[in-house]
């Protein structure tokens, strides 16, 4: 099975060096997502590419790399750009005006990224059509995993101190192949954040079968069966079971199946109060 990430090993940290893409298309959903993008890129000793396509620049300080790294105690006060590089993180920041969707898609096609982190504001009512248009385009065309952070969600990276808190992860997967990718993603998170030891819960439909223990070796894993609409089941679990992250692993399917799935994901995001990690399998 192919790993959902294509990456190189950072020998100095014995971790996988990730290229993280972080598009910013409005000022209402960027802050929480930025904290996650920065933390993941730093922990992997990788690269963070920020593409800011906002028309209004009043909140550009919210994506200040050094400001957040200083707050987390990674850098000292009054740090310089060279201090960021010395900390093992490469940062590329691009500011563009005009068509945000066009610029984001151009960057995605021009460069490979292991992971995208993007904020969503579907709950807030701010720029809903802009947000949905960009998200639809990205989810339909981006082949690597996407971490979606609702603007009003409980984040698993604490913005105050940079601590990662992942106690409860819920997984849904179309089939065994997708489940393997989802479980590998949990293992990757454990490598990035060694202090976490999450409970992993797979939500199964009535027709899905349990898997052998070899697939979830090394994980605190359980399976539960739930009937009914998937989105309703997941939002209910988040509200009642203190879920920190949902991992949704699905087969890509044909064009029309893909569009239907994306609509379902956007509907889920509009009611979700925790981050969603989406893996689209071929």
C-alpha atoms as a PDB file:
ATOM      1  CA  UNK A   1       0.000   0.000   0.000  1.00  0.00           C
ATOM      2  CA  UNK A   2       1.219   3.486  -0.817  1.00  0.00           C
ATOM      3  CA  UNK A   3       1.675   5.878   2.060  1.00  0.00           C
ATOM      4  CA  UNK A   4      -0.779   8.812   1.766  1.00  0.00           C
ATOM      5  CA  UNK A   5       2.224  11.099   2.127  1.00  0.00           C
ATOM      6  CA  UNK A   6       5.124  11.259  -0.292  1.00  0.00           C
ATOM      7  CA  UNK A   7       8.019  12.541   1.775  1.00  0.00           C
ATOM      8  CA  UNK A   8      11.702  12.381   2.555  1.00  0.00           C
ATOM      9  CA  UNK A   9      13.195  11.447   5.901  1.00  0.00           C
ATOM     10  CA  UNK A  10      14.685  14.234   7.975  1.00  0.00           C
ATOM     11  CA  UNK A  11      17.643  12.400   9.514  1.00  0.00           C
ATOM     12  CA  UNK A  12      18.277  15.025  12.171  1.00  0.00           C
ATOM     13  CA  UNK A  13      14.826  14.457  13.641  1.00  0.00           C
ATOM     14  CA  UNK A  14      14.139  10.924  12.374  1.00  0.00           C
ATOM     15  CA  UNK A  15      10.821  12.184  11.080  1.00  0.00           C
ATOM     16  CA  UNK A  16       9.213  12.629   7.740  1.00  0.00           C
ATOM     17  CA  UNK A  17       9.865  16.062   6.249  1.00  0.00           C
ATOM     18  CA  UNK A  18       6.578  17.401   4.896  1.00  0.00           C
ATOM     19  CA  UNK A  19       5.812  20.100   2.375  1.00  0.00           C
ATOM     20  CA  UNK A  20       2.744  21.857   3.801  1.00  0.00           C
ATOM     21  CA  UNK A  21       0.577  24.171   1.689  1.00  0.00           C
ATOM     22  CA  UNK A  22      -1.492  26.812   3.480  1.00  0.00           C
ATOM     23  CA  UNK A  23      -3.828  28.981   1.352  1.00  0.00           C
ATOM     24  CA  UNK A  24      -5.435  32.028   2.981  1.00  0.00           C
ATOM     25  CA  UNK A  25      -8.530  33.315   1.234  1.00  0.00           C
ATOM     26  CA  UNK A  26     -10.250  35.264   4.022  1.00  0.00           C
ATOM     27  CA  UNK A  27      -9.476  36.730   7.437  1.00  0.00           C
ATOM     28  CA  UNK A  28     -12.137  34.834   9.370  1.00  0.00           C
ATOM     29  CA  UNK A  29     -10.855  31.296   9.032  1.00  0.00           C
ATOM     30  CA  UNK A  30      -7.082  31.618   8.822  1.00  0.00           C
ATOM     31  CA  UNK A  31      -5.803  31.836  12.405  1.00  0.00           C
ATOM     32  CA  UNK A  32      -6.600  28.360  13.764  1.00  0.00           C
ATOM     33  CA  UNK A  33      -5.625  26.752  10.469  1.00  0.00           C
ATOM     34  CA  UNK A  34      -2.336  28.658  10.411  1.00  0.00           C
ATOM     35  CA  UNK A  35      -1.403  27.325  13.849  1.00  0.00           C
ATOM     36  CA  UNK A  36      -1.942  23.753  12.632  1.00  0.00           C
ATOM     37  CA  UNK A  37      -0.038  24.283   9.382  1.00  0.00           C
ATOM     38  CA  UNK A  38       2.907  25.887  11.162  1.00  0.00           C
ATOM     39  CA  UNK A  39       3.080  23.271  13.921  1.00  0.00           C
ATOM     40  CA  UNK A  40       2.960  20.322  11.504  1.00  0.00           C
ATOM     41  CA  UNK A  41       5.587  21.837   9.197  1.00  0.00           C
ATOM     42  CA  UNK A  42       7.867  22.635  12.140  1.00  0.00           C
ATOM     43  CA  UNK A  43       7.482  19.242  13.795  1.00  0.00           C
ATOM     44  CA  UNK A  44       8.352  17.483  10.545  1.00  0.00           C
ATOM     45  CA  UNK A  45      11.344  19.734   9.873  1.00  0.00           C
ATOM     46  CA  UNK A  46       9.747  20.520   6.535  1.00  0.00           C
ATOM     47  CA  UNK A  47       8.526  23.442   4.472  1.00  0.00           C
ATOM     48  CA  UNK A  48       5.514  25.710   4.833  1.00  0.00           C
ATOM     49  CA  UNK A  49       4.212  27.536   1.769  1.00  0.00           C
ATOM     50  CA  UNK A  50       1.737  30.310   2.571  1.00  0.00           C
ATOM     51  CA  UNK A  51      -0.301  31.776  -0.273  1.00  0.00           C
ATOM     52  CA  UNK A  52      -2.297  34.799   0.877  1.00  0.00           C
ATOM     53  CA  UNK A  53      -4.914  35.851  -1.675  1.00  0.00           C
ATOM     54  CA  UNK A  54      -7.068  38.037   0.568  1.00  0.00           C
ATOM     55  CA  UNK A  55      -8.254  41.332  -0.816  1.00  0.00           C
ATOM     56  CA  UNK A  56      -8.349  42.936   2.625  1.00  0.00           C
ATOM     57  CA  UNK A  57      -5.053  42.969   4.493  1.00  0.00           C
ATOM     58  CA  UNK A  58      -6.168  44.123   7.917  1.00  0.00           C
ATOM     59  CA  UNK A  59      -5.351  40.785   9.563  1.00  0.00           C
ATOM     60  CA  UNK A  60      -2.063  39.870   7.923  1.00  0.00           C
ATOM     61  CA  UNK A  61      -0.373  39.794  11.335  1.00  0.00           C
ATOM     62  CA  UNK A  62      -2.382  36.658  12.056  1.00  0.00           C
ATOM     63  CA  UNK A  63      -0.070  34.676   9.804  1.00  0.00           C
ATOM     64  CA  UNK A  64       3.176  35.925  11.328  1.00  0.00           C
ATOM     65  CA  UNK A  65       5.423  32.862  11.520  1.00  0.00           C
ATOM     66  CA  UNK A  66       7.954  34.297  13.973  1.00  0.00           C
ATOM     67  CA  UNK A  67       5.250  35.778  16.200  1.00  0.00           C
ATOM     68  CA  UNK A  68       3.686  32.377  16.769  1.00  0.00           C
ATOM     69  CA  UNK A  69       6.989  30.506  17.105  1.00  0.00           C
ATOM     70  CA  UNK A  70       8.092  33.046  19.714  1.00  0.00           C
ATOM     71  CA  UNK A  71       4.829  32.622  21.602  1.00  0.00           C
ATOM     72  CA  UNK A  72       5.384  28.867  21.656  1.00  0.00           C
ATOM     73  CA  UNK A  73       8.901  29.296  23.023  1.00  0.00           C
ATOM     74  CA  UNK A  74      10.553  27.824  19.945  1.00  0.00           C
ATOM     75  CA  UNK A  75      12.200  31.141  19.076  1.00  0.00           C
ATOM     76  CA  UNK A  76      13.399  33.901  21.358  1.00  0.00           C
ATOM     77  CA  UNK A  77      11.837  37.357  21.277  1.00  0.00           C
ATOM     78  CA  UNK A  78      12.832  39.686  18.428  1.00  0.00           C
ATOM     79  CA  UNK A  79      13.930  36.756  16.271  1.00  0.00           C
ATOM     80  CA  UNK A  80      15.028  37.068  12.657  1.00  0.00           C
ATOM     81  CA  UNK A  81      14.194  35.109   9.509  1.00  0.00           C
ATOM     82  CA  UNK A  82      17.468  33.237   9.819  1.00  0.00           C
ATOM     83  CA  UNK A  83      16.351  31.988  13.243  1.00  0.00           C
ATOM     84  CA  UNK A  84      13.386  30.264  11.589  1.00  0.00           C
ATOM     85  CA  UNK A  85      15.705  28.477   9.162  1.00  0.00           C
ATOM     86  CA  UNK A  86      18.054  27.534  11.991  1.00  0.00           C
ATOM     87  CA  UNK A  87      15.077  26.024  13.820  1.00  0.00           C
ATOM     88  CA  UNK A  88      14.721  23.593  10.919  1.00  0.00           C
ATOM     89  CA  UNK A  89      11.781  25.179   9.099  1.00  0.00           C
ATOM     90  CA  UNK A  90      11.652  26.567   5.576  1.00  0.00           C
ATOM     91  CA  UNK A  91       8.936  29.156   4.913  1.00  0.00           C
ATOM     92  CA  UNK A  92       7.756  30.575   1.610  1.00  0.00           C
ATOM     93  CA  UNK A  93       5.179  33.349   1.794  1.00  0.00           C
ATOM     94  CA  UNK A  94       3.400  34.607  -1.327  1.00  0.00           C
ATOM     95  CA  UNK A  95       0.930  37.497  -1.335  1.00  0.00           C
ATOM     96  CA  UNK A  96      -1.298  37.926  -4.375  1.00  0.00           C
ATOM     97  CA  UNK A  97      -4.369  39.975  -5.247  1.00  0.00           C
ATOM     98  CA  UNK A  98      -6.970  39.339  -7.911  1.00  0.00           C
ATOM     99  CA  UNK A  99      -8.529  35.929  -8.448  1.00  0.00           C
ATOM    100  CA  UNK A 100      -7.852  33.975  -5.271  1.00  0.00           C
ATOM    101  CA  UNK A 101      -9.142  30.715  -6.664  1.00  0.00           C
ATOM    102  CA  UNK A 102      -7.004  31.024  -9.796  1.00  0.00           C
ATOM    103  CA  UNK A 103      -3.836  31.793  -7.849  1.00  0.00           C
ATOM    104  CA  UNK A 104      -4.331  28.931  -5.387  1.00  0.00           C
ATOM    105  CA  UNK A 105      -4.980  26.410  -8.146  1.00  0.00           C
ATOM    106  CA  UNK A 106      -1.931  27.700 -10.043  1.00  0.00           C
ATOM    107  CA  UNK A 107       0.298  27.047  -7.022  1.00  0.00           C
ATOM    108  CA  UNK A 108      -1.180  23.600  -6.516  1.00  0.00           C
ATOM    109  CA  UNK A 109      -0.529  22.602 -10.117  1.00  0.00           C
ATOM    110  CA  UNK A 110       2.958  24.135 -10.222  1.00  0.00           C
ATOM    111  CA  UNK A 111       4.309  22.472  -7.057  1.00  0.00           C
ATOM    112  CA  UNK A 112       3.841  19.182  -5.236  1.00  0.00           C
ATOM    113  CA  UNK A 113       2.730  19.314  -1.604  1.00  0.00           C
ATOM    114  CA  UNK A 114       2.413  16.450   0.874  1.00  0.00           C
ATOM    115  CA  UNK A 115      -0.376  18.100   2.810  1.00  0.00           C
ATOM    116  CA  UNK A 116      -2.728  21.054   2.613  1.00  0.00           C
ATOM    117  CA  UNK A 117      -4.088  22.802   5.683  1.00  0.00           C
ATOM    118  CA  UNK A 118      -6.991  25.152   5.053  1.00  0.00           C
ATOM    119  CA  UNK A 119      -9.441  27.061   7.228  1.00  0.00           C
ATOM    120  CA  UNK A 120     -13.165  26.998   6.531  1.00  0.00           C
ATOM    121  CA  UNK A 121     -15.799  29.520   7.501  1.00  0.00           C
ATOM    122  CA  UNK A 122     -18.944  27.693   6.409  1.00  0.00           C
ATOM    123  CA  UNK A 123     -20.473  28.062   9.864  1.00  0.00           C
ATOM    124  CA  UNK A 124     -19.889  31.787  10.230  1.00  0.00           C
ATOM    125  CA  UNK A 125     -21.810  33.109   7.262  1.00  0.00           C
ATOM    126  CA  UNK A 126     -18.836  35.197   6.081  1.00  0.00           C
ATOM    127  CA  UNK A 127     -18.165  34.898   2.354  1.00  0.00           C
ATOM    128  CA  UNK A 128     -19.909  31.495   2.096  1.00  0.00           C
ATOM    129  CA  UNK A 129     -19.917  31.348  -1.690  1.00  0.00           C
ATOM    130  CA  UNK A 130     -16.247  32.303  -1.982  1.00  0.00           C
ATOM    131  CA  UNK A 131     -15.310  29.721   0.628  1.00  0.00           C
ATOM    132  CA  UNK A 132     -17.401  26.957  -0.896  1.00  0.00           C
ATOM    133  CA  UNK A 133     -16.145  27.637  -4.417  1.00  0.00           C
ATOM    134  CA  UNK A 134     -12.493  27.412  -3.387  1.00  0.00           C
ATOM    135  CA  UNK A 135     -13.041  24.371  -1.182  1.00  0.00           C
ATOM    136  CA  UNK A 136     -14.932  22.508  -3.893  1.00  0.00           C
ATOM    137  CA  UNK A 137     -12.177  23.193  -6.408  1.00  0.00           C
ATOM    138  CA  UNK A 138      -9.452  22.105  -4.011  1.00  0.00           C
ATOM    139  CA  UNK A 139     -11.148  18.928  -2.802  1.00  0.00           C
ATOM    140  CA  UNK A 140     -11.930  17.850  -6.351  1.00  0.00           C
ATOM    141  CA  UNK A 141      -8.425  18.452  -7.706  1.00  0.00           C
ATOM    142  CA  UNK A 142      -5.917  18.119  -4.865  1.00  0.00           C
ATOM    143  CA  UNK A 143      -4.516  14.593  -4.654  1.00  0.00           C
ATOM    144  CA  UNK A 144      -2.752  14.756  -1.285  1.00  0.00           C
ATOM    145  CA  UNK A 145      -4.444  14.738   2.138  1.00  0.00           C
ATOM    146  CA  UNK A 146      -6.228  17.900   3.275  1.00  0.00           C
ATOM    147  CA  UNK A 147      -6.630  19.044   6.878  1.00  0.00           C
ATOM    148  CA  UNK A 148      -9.698  21.285   7.158  1.00  0.00           C
ATOM    149  CA  UNK A 149     -10.049  23.513  10.212  1.00  0.00           C
ATOM    150  CA  UNK A 150     -13.516  25.056  10.774  1.00  0.00           C
ATOM    151  CA  UNK A 151     -13.201  28.601  12.087  1.00  0.00           C
ATOM    152  CA  UNK A 152     -15.350  27.851  15.133  1.00  0.00           C
ATOM    153  CA  UNK A 153     -13.854  24.442  15.900  1.00  0.00           C
ATOM    154  CA  UNK A 154     -11.924  23.046  18.839  1.00  0.00           C
ATOM    155  CA  UNK A 155      -8.371  22.941  17.499  1.00  0.00           C
ATOM    156  CA  UNK A 156      -5.987  20.123  18.408  1.00  0.00           C
ATOM    157  CA  UNK A 157      -2.981  22.483  18.208  1.00  0.00           C
ATOM    158  CA  UNK A 158      -3.278  24.975  21.046  1.00  0.00           C
ATOM    159  CA  UNK A 159      -2.564  28.459  19.725  1.00  0.00           C
ATOM    160  CA  UNK A 160      -1.310  29.702  23.092  1.00  0.00           C
ATOM    161  CA  UNK A 161       1.580  27.280  23.617  1.00  0.00           C
ATOM    162  CA  UNK A 162       1.691  25.115  20.456  1.00  0.00           C
ATOM    163  CA  UNK A 163       0.843  21.936  22.353  1.00  0.00           C
ATOM    164  CA  UNK A 164      -0.861  19.176  20.352  1.00  0.00           C
ATOM    165  CA  UNK A 165      -3.780  17.498  22.124  1.00  0.00           C
ATOM    166  CA  UNK A 166      -5.233  14.476  20.357  1.00  0.00           C
ATOM    167  CA  UNK A 167      -7.026  12.214  22.795  1.00  0.00           C
ATOM    168  CA  UNK A 168      -9.886  11.033  20.627  1.00  0.00           C
ATOM    169  CA  UNK A 169      -9.757  10.373  16.869  1.00  0.00           C
ATOM    170  CA  UNK A 170     -12.700   9.076  14.848  1.00  0.00           C
ATOM    171  CA  UNK A 171     -12.188   7.327  11.504  1.00  0.00           C
ATOM    172  CA  UNK A 172     -14.579   6.528   8.679  1.00  0.00           C
ATOM    173  CA  UNK A 173     -13.336   4.627   5.639  1.00  0.00           C
ATOM    174  CA  UNK A 174     -14.920   3.259   2.476  1.00  0.00           C
ATOM    175  CA  UNK A 175     -12.986   0.000   2.443  1.00  0.00           C
ATOM    176  CA  UNK A 176      -9.904  -1.782   3.789  1.00  0.00           C
ATOM    177  CA  UNK A 177      -7.538   0.127   1.515  1.00  0.00           C
ATOM    178  CA  UNK A 178      -8.901   3.474   2.720  1.00  0.00           C
ATOM    179  CA  UNK A 179      -8.822   2.278   6.329  1.00  0.00           C
ATOM    180  CA  UNK A 180      -5.126   1.417   6.033  1.00  0.00           C
ATOM    181  CA  UNK A 181      -4.417   4.956   4.835  1.00  0.00           C
ATOM    182  CA  UNK A 182      -6.403   6.419   7.716  1.00  0.00           C
ATOM    183  CA  UNK A 183      -4.562   4.306  10.292  1.00  0.00           C
ATOM    184  CA  UNK A 184      -1.209   5.184   8.711  1.00  0.00           C
ATOM    185  CA  UNK A 185      -2.175   8.844   9.109  1.00  0.00           C
ATOM    186  CA  UNK A 186      -2.730   8.289  12.831  1.00  0.00           C
ATOM    187  CA  UNK A 187       0.696   6.676  13.079  1.00  0.00           C
ATOM    188  CA  UNK A 188       2.197   9.645  11.262  1.00  0.00           C
ATOM    189  CA  UNK A 189       0.560  12.018  13.740  1.00  0.00           C
ATOM    190  CA  UNK A 190       2.035   9.986  16.601  1.00  0.00           C
ATOM    191  CA  UNK A 191       5.476  10.341  15.025  1.00  0.00           C
ATOM    192  CA  UNK A 192       5.034  14.091  14.661  1.00  0.00           C
ATOM    193  CA  UNK A 193       3.650  14.490  18.185  1.00  0.00           C
ATOM    194  CA  UNK A 194       5.279  11.782  20.365  1.00  0.00           C
ATOM    195  CA  UNK A 195       3.364  12.825  23.493  1.00  0.00           C
ATOM    196  CA  UNK A 196      -0.058  11.882  22.101  1.00  0.00           C
ATOM    197  CA  UNK A 197      -1.653   8.469  22.609  1.00  0.00           C
ATOM    198  CA  UNK A 198      -5.122   8.822  21.079  1.00  0.00           C
ATOM    199  CA  UNK A 199      -8.070   6.504  21.304  1.00  0.00           C
ATOM    200  CA  UNK A 200      -8.923   5.638  17.689  1.00  0.00           C
ATOM    201  CA  UNK A 201     -12.552   4.798  16.958  1.00  0.00           C
ATOM    202  CA  UNK A 202     -13.667   3.473  13.595  1.00  0.00           C
ATOM    203  CA  UNK A 203     -17.313   4.217  12.821  1.00  0.00           C
ATOM    204  CA  UNK A 204     -18.701   1.386  10.699  1.00  0.00           C
ATOM    205  CA  UNK A 205     -21.878   0.889   8.729  1.00  0.00           C
ATOM    206  CA  UNK A 206     -23.984  -2.198   9.345  1.00  0.00           C
ATOM    207  CA  UNK A 207     -22.558  -3.904   6.243  1.00  0.00           C
ATOM    208  CA  UNK A 208     -18.891  -3.251   7.021  1.00  0.00           C
ATOM    209  CA  UNK A 209     -16.756  -5.972   8.587  1.00  0.00           C
ATOM    210  CA  UNK A 210     -14.267  -5.746  11.462  1.00  0.00           C
ATOM    211  CA  UNK A 211     -10.571  -5.878  10.564  1.00  0.00           C
ATOM    212  CA  UNK A 212      -7.819  -8.091  11.920  1.00  0.00           C
ATOM    213  CA  UNK A 213      -5.611  -6.709  14.683  1.00  0.00           C
ATOM    214  CA  UNK A 214      -2.558  -6.610  12.405  1.00  0.00           C
ATOM    215  CA  UNK A 215      -3.984  -3.511  10.723  1.00  0.00           C
ATOM    216  CA  UNK A 216      -4.212  -1.445  13.904  1.00  0.00           C
ATOM    217  CA  UNK A 217      -1.100  -2.748  15.602  1.00  0.00           C
ATOM    218  CA  UNK A 218       0.341  -0.239  18.071  1.00  0.00           C
ATOM    219  CA  UNK A 219      -2.860   1.801  18.283  1.00  0.00           C
ATOM    220  CA  UNK A 220      -5.620   2.046  20.879  1.00  0.00           C
ATOM    221  CA  UNK A 221      -8.322   0.964  18.470  1.00  0.00           C
ATOM    222  CA  UNK A 222     -11.971   0.067  18.634  1.00  0.00           C
ATOM    223  CA  UNK A 223     -14.877  -0.272  16.221  1.00  0.00           C
ATOM    224  CA  UNK A 224     -18.461   0.840  16.654  1.00  0.00           C
ATOM    225  CA  UNK A 225     -21.461   0.356  14.380  1.00  0.00           C
ATOM    226  CA  UNK A 226     -23.813   3.237  13.722  1.00  0.00           C
ATOM    227  CA  UNK A 227     -26.834   3.384  11.457  1.00  0.00           C
ATOM    228  CA  UNK A 228     -28.208   6.410   9.680  1.00  0.00           C
ATOM    229  CA  UNK A 229     -26.798   9.440   7.892  1.00  0.00           C
ATOM    230  CA  UNK A 230     -22.994   9.560   8.177  1.00  0.00           C
ATOM    231  CA  UNK A 231     -22.792  13.303   8.715  1.00  0.00           C
ATOM    232  CA  UNK A 232     -25.372  13.206  11.487  1.00  0.00           C
ATOM    233  CA  UNK A 233     -23.564  10.306  13.186  1.00  0.00           C
ATOM    234  CA  UNK A 234     -20.208  12.117  13.069  1.00  0.00           C
ATOM    235  CA  UNK A 235     -21.483  15.480  14.331  1.00  0.00           C
ATOM    236  CA  UNK A 236     -23.308  13.703  17.139  1.00  0.00           C
ATOM    237  CA  UNK A 237     -20.120  11.860  18.148  1.00  0.00           C
ATOM    238  CA  UNK A 238     -18.129  15.100  18.140  1.00  0.00           C
ATOM    239  CA  UNK A 239     -20.673  16.726  20.431  1.00  0.00           C
ATOM    240  CA  UNK A 240     -21.054  13.782  22.832  1.00  0.00           C
ATOM    241  CA  UNK A 241     -17.656  12.063  22.867  1.00  0.00           C
ATOM    242  CA  UNK A 242     -15.183  14.997  22.860  1.00  0.00           C
ATOM    243  CA  UNK A 243     -13.680  14.082  19.478  1.00  0.00           C
ATOM    244  CA  UNK A 244     -10.501  15.999  18.609  1.00  0.00           C
ATOM    245  CA  UNK A 245     -10.168  14.956  14.953  1.00  0.00           C
ATOM    246  CA  UNK A 246     -12.161  13.131  12.294  1.00  0.00           C
ATOM    247  CA  UNK A 247     -10.282  11.254   9.564  1.00  0.00           C
ATOM    248  CA  UNK A 248     -12.380  10.679   6.476  1.00  0.00           C
ATOM    249  CA  UNK A 249     -10.805   8.279   3.970  1.00  0.00           C
ATOM    250  CA  UNK A 250     -12.732   7.728   0.753  1.00  0.00           C
ATOM    251  CA  UNK A 251     -12.332   6.369  -2.732  1.00  0.00           C
ATOM    252  CA  UNK A 252     -12.189   9.135  -5.311  1.00  0.00           C
ATOM    253  CA  UNK A 253     -14.673   7.525  -7.705  1.00  0.00           C
ATOM    254  CA  UNK A 254     -15.730   9.060 -10.995  1.00  0.00           C
ATOM    255  CA  UNK A 255     -16.375  12.747 -11.616  1.00  0.00           C
ATOM    256  CA  UNK A 256     -20.029  12.707 -10.553  1.00  0.00           C
ATOM    257  CA  UNK A 257     -19.350  10.562  -7.488  1.00  0.00           C
ATOM    258  CA  UNK A 258     -16.595  12.980  -6.558  1.00  0.00           C
ATOM    259  CA  UNK A 259     -18.886  16.001  -6.788  1.00  0.00           C
ATOM    260  CA  UNK A 260     -21.510  14.286  -4.635  1.00  0.00           C
ATOM    261  CA  UNK A 261     -18.911  13.398  -1.999  1.00  0.00           C
ATOM    262  CA  UNK A 262     -17.554  16.936  -1.913  1.00  0.00           C
ATOM    263  CA  UNK A 263     -21.053  18.321  -1.378  1.00  0.00           C
ATOM    264  CA  UNK A 264     -21.480  15.886   1.508  1.00  0.00           C
ATOM    265  CA  UNK A 265     -18.164  16.966   3.057  1.00  0.00           C
ATOM    266  CA  UNK A 266     -19.054  20.657   2.807  1.00  0.00           C
ATOM    267  CA  UNK A 267     -22.356  19.909   4.500  1.00  0.00           C
ATOM    268  CA  UNK A 268     -20.495  18.090   7.261  1.00  0.00           C
ATOM    269  CA  UNK A 269     -18.065  20.986   7.711  1.00  0.00           C
ATOM    270  CA  UNK A 270     -20.917  23.449   8.139  1.00  0.00           C
ATOM    271  CA  UNK A 271     -21.925  21.610  11.336  1.00  0.00           C
ATOM    272  CA  UNK A 272     -18.576  20.344  12.578  1.00  0.00           C
ATOM    273  CA  UNK A 273     -16.811  21.624  15.682  1.00  0.00           C
ATOM    274  CA  UNK A 274     -13.504  19.781  15.253  1.00  0.00           C
ATOM    275  CA  UNK A 275     -10.896  19.499  12.462  1.00  0.00           C
ATOM    276  CA  UNK A 276     -11.472  17.112   9.552  1.00  0.00           C
ATOM    277  CA  UNK A 277      -8.649  15.224   7.841  1.00  0.00           C
ATOM    278  CA  UNK A 278      -9.683  14.167   4.336  1.00  0.00           C
ATOM    279  CA  UNK A 279      -7.880  11.471   2.353  1.00  0.00           C
ATOM    280  CA  UNK A 280      -9.047  10.838  -1.203  1.00  0.00           C
ATOM    281  CA  UNK A 281      -7.933   7.424  -2.469  1.00  0.00           C
ATOM    282  CA  UNK A 282      -7.698   6.556  -6.153  1.00  0.00           C
END
